[in-house]
Amino acid sequence: MRLLFLTPQFPYPPHKGTTLRNYNLIAQLAARHTIDVLSFHDTTALPASPLDELCRRLAVVPAPARSLSRRALDTLLSPWPDMGLRLWSPRFRDQLLSWLAAGQYDVVQIEGIELARYAFSLPPRSSARLIFDAHNAEYLLQERIARAERAARGWSIGAIYSTLQARKLRGFERHSCQRADVVAAVSAADATALRQLAPTLNVHVIPNGIDTTFYDRSQVTPLDLPPRSLVFTGTLDFRPNVEAVLWFADRVWPRIRAALPEAQFFVVGQRPHARLDRLRADPSIVITGAVEDTRPYIAGAAAYVIPLQMGGGTRFKLLEALALRVPVISTTLGAEGFDAVAGRELVLADDATQFAEAVIEVVGNPAKSRALGQAGRTFAERYDWRLIVPLFEAAYRAAVSP
């Protein structure tokens, strides 16, 4: 088939959620399909990447900029949600229409809600079928954030913002999904949430995957971290990650340190938010900032923690740690969307005391750590991209069939 991918960031290097999903989908599909990619990048120059050989045609457009004052006005006055405005670019739209006019595509695949507005730019007589790859049920994510913010701080600016965004996203996400021939959801929970917006949607559950060869422990040299080190990885200006780290540091970490005074907590990820700065005063907490490769940190950990309190979709970080045979302690929300069995592939704990007790038990029990690591690796192998990509090909066939 002839596929046109619209991606919110240039899908290389595959260092975080969206680029991980986009690059691995394209890399696997390129062996059997002709692929063009239109994306955003910080410059108009295409970066060198393996995509040069994998794709027929690549183009990038500079991402649009919006000031904080513009965003504030849009929050109050625009019917569009922030995510529908964030990457709107006439230049991107014109490039899309030019390619559609010049070439016959079987499928146009829109990657995520930030690009969903371009679905309404497709010519009404276009023969291309539209796939909307919904990385999250975004309205649900904002509703959860709004509830958590109201519970913690009342009707703060953050609570007002997320409440307004959730309301706008309900309509925007509904219309975006209805415009598509097939919607891809990353979990059964997300599929249910999207069908609540529009019960007749043609939703295929296509989870996030992992390159199990790249995340094979034999291919990684673990960092020589202190013996009882815990690791969390993620983009550190993403609000659910910020809230997770702060909750863990404030509520869980003191309990762990009381039992394990030598323990260290490594927070690994790019763009650490200013709200995390106060944690730097604690010598037992290390905020690394951006690193070239997170695998050595994960592989060097005594345990990997996912203390998420809000969010949606599914987490690549869970698969990464499981594939590297590192024992995982997570909240139920942090493992949402995966059918991992608590006590076998990971440990689940939702309040601060239980979370601390789970970490202390796992770190202090080498046999349990090894058993969790082995079961986690076996579980992660079920999500190898080579098994996930055929699910997209089934979705393409469903979209193009009469």
Protein backbone atom coordinates (compact mmCIF):
# COMPACT_ATOMS: atom_id res chain seq x y z
CA MET A 1 0.00 0.00 0.00
CA ARG A 2 0.97 3.66 -0.38
CA LEU A 3 0.97 5.26 3.06
CA LEU A 4 1.29 8.90 4.07
CA PHE A 5 2.25 9.47 7.72
CA LEU A 6 1.62 12.84 9.40
CA THR A 7 3.72 13.03 12.57
CA PRO A 8 3.96 15.77 15.23
CA GLN A 9 7.75 15.47 15.50
CA PHE A 10 10.29 14.12 13.06
CA PRO A 11 10.31 10.42 14.01
CA TYR A 12 14.03 10.13 14.62
CA PRO A 13 15.80 9.64 16.95
CA PRO A 14 13.21 7.48 18.71
CA HIS A 15 13.86 8.72 22.25
CA LYS A 16 10.36 9.22 23.70
CA GLY A 17 6.77 8.06 23.38
CA THR A 18 5.53 9.54 20.12
CA THR A 19 8.79 9.19 18.20
CA LEU A 20 9.26 5.66 19.51
CA ARG A 21 5.86 4.63 18.19
CA ASN A 22 6.17 6.48 14.89
CA TYR A 23 9.71 5.39 14.02
CA ASN A 24 9.13 1.73 14.81
CA LEU A 25 5.84 1.62 12.89
CA ILE A 26 7.47 3.19 9.84
CA ALA A 27 10.59 1.02 10.07
CA GLN A 28 8.55 -2.18 10.17
CA LEU A 29 5.98 -1.14 7.55
CA ALA A 30 8.61 0.08 5.07
CA ALA A 31 9.56 -3.49 4.20
CA ARG A 32 6.11 -4.09 2.66
CA HIS A 33 4.69 -0.65 1.83
CA THR A 34 5.63 2.65 0.18
CA ILE A 35 5.81 5.38 2.81
CA ASP A 36 5.92 9.18 2.70
CA VAL A 37 6.30 11.22 5.91
CA LEU A 38 5.29 14.83 6.52
CA SER A 39 6.38 16.12 9.89
CA PHE A 40 7.32 19.07 12.04
CA HIS A 41 10.92 19.90 12.93
CA ASP A 42 12.77 22.81 14.45
CA THR A 43 14.35 23.66 11.10
CA THR A 44 13.47 23.13 7.44
CA ALA A 45 16.57 20.96 6.98
CA LEU A 46 15.93 17.24 7.11
CA PRO A 47 18.13 15.52 9.69
CA ALA A 48 20.06 12.51 8.45
CA SER A 49 18.42 9.31 9.63
CA PRO A 50 17.60 5.72 8.62
CA LEU A 51 14.29 7.09 7.34
CA ASP A 52 16.18 8.33 4.25
CA GLU A 53 16.41 4.72 3.11
CA LEU A 54 13.12 3.50 4.53
CA CYS A 55 10.82 6.13 3.02
CA ARG A 56 10.12 7.30 -0.51
CA ARG A 57 9.68 10.92 0.46
CA LEU A 58 10.24 13.02 3.60
CA ALA A 59 9.41 16.65 4.32
CA VAL A 60 9.49 18.80 7.44
CA VAL A 61 7.86 22.11 8.33
CA PRO A 62 8.94 24.35 11.24
CA ALA A 63 6.66 23.96 14.23
CA PRO A 64 4.48 27.05 14.82
CA ALA A 65 5.11 29.18 17.89
CA ARG A 66 2.38 30.49 20.22
CA SER A 67 3.04 32.90 23.07
CA LEU A 68 1.69 32.32 26.57
CA SER A 69 -0.61 35.32 26.13
CA ARG A 70 -1.95 33.86 22.88
CA ARG A 71 -2.56 30.52 24.56
CA ALA A 72 -4.36 32.25 27.45
CA LEU A 73 -6.65 34.11 25.05
CA ASP A 74 -7.32 30.94 23.07
CA THR A 75 -8.17 29.08 26.28
CA LEU A 76 -10.85 31.66 27.04
CA LEU A 77 -12.10 32.56 23.56
CA SER A 78 -11.38 29.81 21.03
CA PRO A 79 -13.72 26.85 20.53
CA TRP A 80 -10.64 24.76 19.65
CA PRO A 81 -8.78 22.94 22.44
CA ASP A 82 -5.16 23.84 23.01
CA MET A 83 -4.05 20.56 21.42
CA GLY A 84 -6.01 21.39 18.27
CA LEU A 85 -4.22 24.73 17.94
CA ARG A 86 -0.72 23.75 18.98
CA LEU A 87 0.48 22.43 15.62
CA TRP A 88 -1.85 24.20 13.21
CA SER A 89 0.24 25.50 10.30
CA PRO A 90 -1.02 26.74 6.91
CA ARG A 91 2.35 25.73 5.49
CA PHE A 92 1.92 22.15 6.74
CA ARG A 93 -1.65 22.06 5.39
CA ASP A 94 -0.52 23.33 1.97
CA GLN A 95 2.25 20.72 1.77
CA LEU A 96 -0.27 18.02 2.68
CA LEU A 97 -2.72 19.16 0.00
CA SER A 98 0.08 19.34 -2.56
CA TRP A 99 1.12 15.76 -1.90
CA LEU A 100 -2.47 14.55 -1.95
CA ALA A 101 -3.06 16.25 -5.29
CA ALA A 102 0.12 14.82 -6.81
CA GLY A 103 0.00 11.25 -5.54
CA GLN A 104 -2.51 8.51 -4.98
CA TYR A 105 -2.37 7.28 -1.38
CA ASP A 106 -4.25 4.30 -0.05
CA VAL A 107 -4.01 5.50 3.55
CA VAL A 108 -3.27 8.79 5.32
CA GLN A 109 -2.27 8.09 8.93
CA ILE A 110 -2.58 10.95 11.43
CA GLU A 111 -0.42 10.47 14.51
CA GLY A 112 -2.08 11.95 17.56
CA ILE A 113 -4.58 14.62 18.52
CA GLU A 114 -2.25 17.57 17.80
CA LEU A 115 -2.55 16.80 14.08
CA ALA A 116 -6.21 15.77 14.08
CA ARG A 117 -7.32 19.14 12.71
CA TYR A 118 -5.67 18.28 9.39
CA ALA A 119 -8.24 15.52 8.94
CA PHE A 120 -10.73 18.24 8.05
CA SER A 121 -8.38 19.55 5.33
CA LEU A 122 -8.49 16.36 3.29
CA PRO A 123 -10.30 16.84 -0.03
CA PRO A 124 -13.82 15.42 0.18
CA ARG A 125 -13.26 13.29 -2.92
CA SER A 126 -9.91 11.91 -1.86
CA SER A 127 -9.61 8.17 -2.40
CA ALA A 128 -7.25 7.83 0.55
CA ARG A 129 -8.64 6.22 3.68
CA LEU A 130 -7.96 7.98 6.97
CA ILE A 131 -6.44 6.29 10.00
CA PHE A 132 -6.38 8.29 13.25
CA ASP A 133 -3.80 6.89 15.65
CA ALA A 134 -5.07 8.09 19.02
CA HIS A 135 -2.10 8.02 21.37
CA ASN A 136 -4.41 8.79 24.31
CA ALA A 137 -8.06 9.39 25.02
CA GLU A 138 -7.10 13.02 25.53
CA TYR A 139 -10.37 14.28 27.01
CA LEU A 140 -10.12 11.58 29.68
CA LEU A 141 -6.53 12.55 30.46
CA GLN A 142 -7.54 16.19 30.99
CA GLU A 143 -10.53 15.18 33.12
CA ARG A 144 -8.21 13.16 35.37
CA ILE A 145 -5.73 16.02 35.63
CA ALA A 146 -8.54 18.47 36.46
CA ARG A 147 -9.88 16.21 39.22
CA ALA A 148 -6.43 15.71 40.72
CA GLU A 149 -5.69 19.43 40.60
CA ARG A 150 -9.01 20.36 42.22
CA ALA A 151 -8.46 17.78 44.95
CA ALA A 152 -4.95 19.08 45.67
CA ARG A 153 -5.32 22.82 45.18
CA GLY A 154 -8.99 23.64 44.61
CA TRP A 155 -9.95 25.79 41.63
CA SER A 156 -6.39 26.77 40.76
CA ILE A 157 -5.37 28.08 37.34
CA GLY A 158 -4.31 24.55 36.45
CA ALA A 159 -7.68 23.10 37.46
CA ILE A 160 -9.57 25.76 35.46
CA TYR A 161 -7.34 25.18 32.41
CA SER A 162 -7.73 21.38 32.44
CA THR A 163 -11.48 21.58 33.05
CA LEU A 164 -11.92 23.89 30.05
CA GLN A 165 -9.65 21.73 27.90
CA ALA A 166 -11.51 18.55 28.81
CA ARG A 167 -14.81 20.10 27.71
CA LYS A 168 -13.38 21.34 24.41
CA LEU A 169 -11.58 18.06 23.78
CA ARG A 170 -14.78 16.03 24.10
CA GLY A 171 -16.22 17.65 20.99
CA PHE A 172 -12.95 17.96 19.09
CA GLU A 173 -11.91 14.37 19.77
CA ARG A 174 -15.36 13.09 18.85
CA HIS A 175 -15.39 14.87 15.49
CA SER A 176 -11.78 13.88 14.76
CA CYS A 177 -12.50 10.21 15.40
CA GLN A 178 -15.71 10.33 13.38
CA ARG A 179 -13.80 11.80 10.43
CA ALA A 180 -11.51 8.73 10.35
CA ASP A 181 -12.29 5.44 8.66
CA VAL A 182 -10.45 3.58 11.44
CA VAL A 183 -9.31 4.77 14.86
CA ALA A 184 -6.34 3.05 16.50
CA ALA A 185 -6.41 3.04 20.33
CA VAL A 186 -3.43 1.97 22.40
CA SER A 187 -5.49 0.02 24.96
CA ALA A 188 -8.92 -1.48 25.48
CA ALA A 189 -9.55 1.18 28.16
CA ASP A 190 -8.84 3.96 25.66
CA ALA A 191 -11.02 2.25 23.06
CA THR A 192 -13.89 2.22 25.54
CA ALA A 193 -13.34 5.89 26.38
CA LEU A 194 -13.37 6.88 22.69
CA ARG A 195 -16.52 4.84 22.02
CA GLN A 196 -18.20 6.74 24.83
CA LEU A 197 -17.76 9.81 22.64
CA ALA A 198 -19.13 8.08 19.54
CA PRO A 199 -20.44 4.50 19.92
CA THR A 200 -20.25 3.66 16.21
CA LEU A 201 -16.52 4.29 15.82
CA ASN A 202 -14.48 1.61 14.07
CA VAL A 203 -11.79 1.26 16.76
CA HIS A 204 -8.88 -1.17 16.57
CA VAL A 205 -6.82 -1.73 19.72
CA ILE A 206 -3.15 -1.49 18.69
CA PRO A 207 -0.92 -1.20 21.74
CA ASN A 208 2.46 0.41 22.05
CA GLY A 209 5.34 -1.94 21.40
CA ILE A 210 9.03 -2.31 22.02
CA ASP A 211 12.14 -3.32 20.12
CA THR A 212 13.05 -6.30 22.27
CA THR A 213 16.45 -6.63 20.62
CA PHE A 214 17.38 -3.02 21.45
CA TYR A 215 16.13 -3.55 25.00
CA ASP A 216 17.90 -6.87 25.49
CA ARG A 217 19.95 -6.69 28.67
CA SER A 218 22.85 -8.43 26.95
CA GLN A 219 23.11 -5.40 24.61
CA VAL A 220 23.34 -2.84 27.44
CA THR A 221 26.16 -1.97 29.85
CA PRO A 222 24.43 -1.00 33.09
CA LEU A 223 25.63 2.10 34.89
CA ASP A 224 27.42 1.39 38.14
CA LEU A 225 24.76 2.96 40.34
CA PRO A 226 24.72 2.55 44.13
CA PRO A 227 23.41 -0.91 45.10
CA ARG A 228 19.90 0.17 46.14
CA SER A 229 19.16 2.75 43.46
CA LEU A 230 15.68 3.40 42.12
CA VAL A 231 15.11 4.91 38.68
CA PHE A 232 12.28 6.82 37.03
CA THR A 233 12.51 7.98 33.41
CA GLY A 234 10.34 10.33 31.39
CA THR A 235 9.99 13.76 29.85
CA LEU A 236 10.21 15.95 32.92
CA ASP A 237 8.10 18.90 31.81
CA PHE A 238 5.14 16.58 31.13
CA ARG A 239 2.71 17.25 33.94
CA PRO A 240 1.83 13.63 34.88
CA ASN A 241 5.56 12.85 35.18
CA VAL A 242 6.20 15.95 37.30
CA GLU A 243 3.34 15.09 39.64
CA ALA A 244 4.53 11.47 39.86
CA VAL A 245 8.06 12.43 40.85
CA LEU A 246 6.87 14.98 43.43
CA TRP A 247 4.40 12.54 44.98
CA PHE A 248 7.08 9.86 45.21
CA ALA A 249 9.71 12.24 46.61
CA ASP A 250 7.37 13.79 49.18
CA ARG A 251 5.23 10.85 50.25
CA VAL A 252 7.11 7.64 49.48
CA TRP A 253 10.81 8.43 49.52
CA PRO A 254 11.07 9.35 53.24
CA ARG A 255 9.59 5.95 54.16
CA ILE A 256 12.07 4.14 51.90
CA ARG A 257 15.03 6.12 53.23
CA ALA A 258 14.04 5.31 56.81
CA ALA A 259 14.41 1.60 56.00
CA LEU A 260 17.19 1.89 53.40
CA PRO A 261 19.35 4.90 54.34
CA GLU A 262 21.81 4.20 51.51
CA ALA A 263 19.11 4.22 48.77
CA GLN A 264 19.35 6.69 45.89
CA PHE A 265 16.61 7.94 43.54
CA PHE A 266 17.57 8.82 39.97
CA VAL A 267 15.11 10.96 37.99
CA VAL A 268 16.16 10.70 34.36
CA GLY A 269 14.76 12.80 31.53
CA GLN A 270 14.90 15.92 29.46
CA ARG A 271 13.61 19.40 30.33
CA PRO A 272 13.19 19.06 34.14
CA HIS A 273 10.40 21.40 35.25
CA ALA A 274 11.20 24.18 37.72
CA ARG A 275 8.82 22.52 40.21
CA LEU A 276 11.39 19.73 40.56
CA ASP A 277 14.22 22.09 41.50
CA ARG A 278 13.56 21.83 45.23
CA LEU A 279 14.38 18.11 45.10
CA ARG A 280 17.98 18.91 44.19
CA ALA A 281 18.61 19.92 47.80
CA ASP A 282 18.26 16.26 48.81
CA PRO A 283 21.59 14.49 48.20
CA SER A 284 19.80 11.15 47.86
CA ILE A 285 17.87 12.38 44.77
CA VAL A 286 19.63 12.90 41.45
CA ILE A 287 17.91 14.75 38.58
CA THR A 288 20.04 14.02 35.53
CA GLY A 289 18.43 16.10 32.79
CA ALA A 290 18.63 14.76 29.24
CA VAL A 291 20.80 11.69 28.69
CA GLU A 292 21.81 10.10 25.42
CA ASP A 293 20.48 6.68 26.38
CA THR A 294 18.21 5.80 29.32
CA ARG A 295 18.86 2.05 29.09
CA PRO A 296 22.08 2.03 31.20
CA TYR A 297 20.22 3.84 34.01
CA ILE A 298 17.30 1.44 33.91
CA ALA A 299 19.55 -1.62 33.70
CA GLY A 300 21.65 -0.34 36.62
CA ALA A 301 18.66 0.09 38.94
CA ALA A 302 17.71 -2.19 41.80
CA ALA A 303 14.09 -1.37 40.88
CA TYR A 304 12.21 0.86 38.48
CA VAL A 305 9.32 2.95 39.81
CA ILE A 306 6.24 4.30 38.00
CA PRO A 307 4.40 6.37 40.65
CA LEU A 308 1.94 7.99 38.22
CA GLN A 309 -1.11 9.68 39.75
CA MET A 310 -2.66 10.93 36.52
CA GLY A 311 -2.43 10.09 32.84
CA GLY A 312 -3.91 8.05 30.04
CA GLY A 313 -2.91 5.71 27.26
CA THR A 314 -0.08 3.28 27.97
CA ARG A 315 3.48 3.83 29.09
CA PHE A 316 6.53 2.89 27.01
CA LYS A 317 8.56 3.16 30.21
CA LEU A 318 6.86 0.06 31.61
CA LEU A 319 7.81 -2.06 28.61
CA GLU A 320 11.36 -0.69 28.64
CA ALA A 321 11.97 -1.69 32.25
CA LEU A 322 10.29 -5.07 31.87
CA ALA A 323 12.27 -5.87 28.73
CA LEU A 324 15.51 -5.05 30.58
CA ARG A 325 14.57 -7.52 33.36
CA VAL A 326 14.34 -4.81 36.02
CA PRO A 327 11.69 -5.29 38.74
CA VAL A 328 8.92 -2.69 38.46
CA ILE A 329 6.82 -1.15 41.20
CA SER A 330 3.96 0.89 39.75
CA THR A 331 0.65 2.44 40.63
CA THR A 332 -2.33 0.80 38.96
CA LEU A 333 -2.63 3.83 36.69
CA GLY A 334 1.04 3.56 35.71
CA ALA A 335 0.42 0.07 34.35
CA GLU A 336 -3.00 0.82 32.85
CA GLY A 337 -3.67 -0.67 29.43
CA PHE A 338 -1.38 -3.69 29.87
CA ASP A 339 -2.60 -7.03 31.17
CA ALA A 340 0.48 -7.68 33.30
CA VAL A 341 -0.30 -9.72 36.41
CA ALA A 342 0.44 -8.04 39.73
CA GLY A 343 2.85 -10.12 41.78
CA ARG A 344 4.13 -11.99 38.74
CA GLU A 345 5.39 -9.44 36.19
CA LEU A 346 5.36 -6.36 38.42
CA VAL A 347 4.20 -5.08 41.79
CA LEU A 348 1.27 -2.67 42.09
CA ALA A 349 0.74 -0.23 44.94
CA ASP A 350 -1.44 2.87 45.06
CA ASP A 351 -0.90 4.57 48.40
CA ALA A 352 2.37 5.91 49.71
CA THR A 353 2.81 3.37 52.52
CA GLN A 354 2.11 0.37 50.27
CA PHE A 355 4.36 1.75 47.54
CA ALA A 356 7.26 2.19 49.98
CA GLU A 357 6.75 -1.26 51.48
CA ALA A 358 6.70 -2.82 48.02
CA VAL A 359 9.98 -1.12 47.05
CA ILE A 360 11.66 -2.14 50.31
CA GLU A 361 10.54 -5.76 49.90
CA VAL A 362 11.64 -6.07 46.27
CA VAL A 363 15.01 -4.36 46.77
CA GLY A 364 15.71 -6.51 49.81
CA ASN A 365 14.76 -9.81 48.18
CA PRO A 366 17.14 -10.79 45.33
CA ALA A 367 15.19 -13.95 44.50
CA LYS A 368 11.95 -12.02 44.08
CA SER A 369 13.73 -9.37 42.01
CA ARG A 370 15.10 -12.02 39.66
CA ALA A 371 11.71 -13.72 39.32
CA LEU A 372 9.98 -10.43 38.54
CA GLY A 373 12.69 -9.54 36.02
CA GLN A 374 12.41 -12.84 34.17
CA ALA A 375 8.60 -12.74 34.07
CA GLY A 376 8.73 -9.11 32.97
CA ARG A 377 11.00 -9.91 30.03
CA THR A 378 8.69 -12.74 28.92
CA PHE A 379 5.75 -10.35 29.12
CA ALA A 380 7.53 -7.61 27.14
CA GLU A 381 8.30 -10.04 24.32
CA ARG A 382 4.55 -10.19 23.61
CA TYR A 383 4.77 -6.52 22.61
CA ASP A 384 7.61 -6.71 20.11
CA TRP A 385 6.96 -4.34 17.20
CA ARG A 386 7.10 -7.28 14.83
CA LEU A 387 3.88 -8.50 16.46
CA ILE A 388 2.25 -5.06 16.76
CA VAL A 389 2.69 -3.79 13.18
CA PRO A 390 0.53 -6.52 11.57
CA LEU A 391 -2.36 -5.14 13.63
CA PHE A 392 -1.99 -1.85 11.74
CA GLU A 393 -1.95 -3.70 8.44
CA ALA A 394 -5.24 -5.36 9.42
CA ALA A 395 -6.62 -1.89 10.18
CA TYR A 396 -5.53 -0.67 6.73
CA ARG A 397 -7.33 -3.58 5.07
CA ALA A 398 -10.44 -2.81 7.09
CA ALA A 399 -10.28 0.83 6.05
CA VAL A 400 -9.83 0.27 2.31
CA SER A 401 -12.26 -2.65 1.95
CA PRO A 402 -15.65 -1.69 0.55
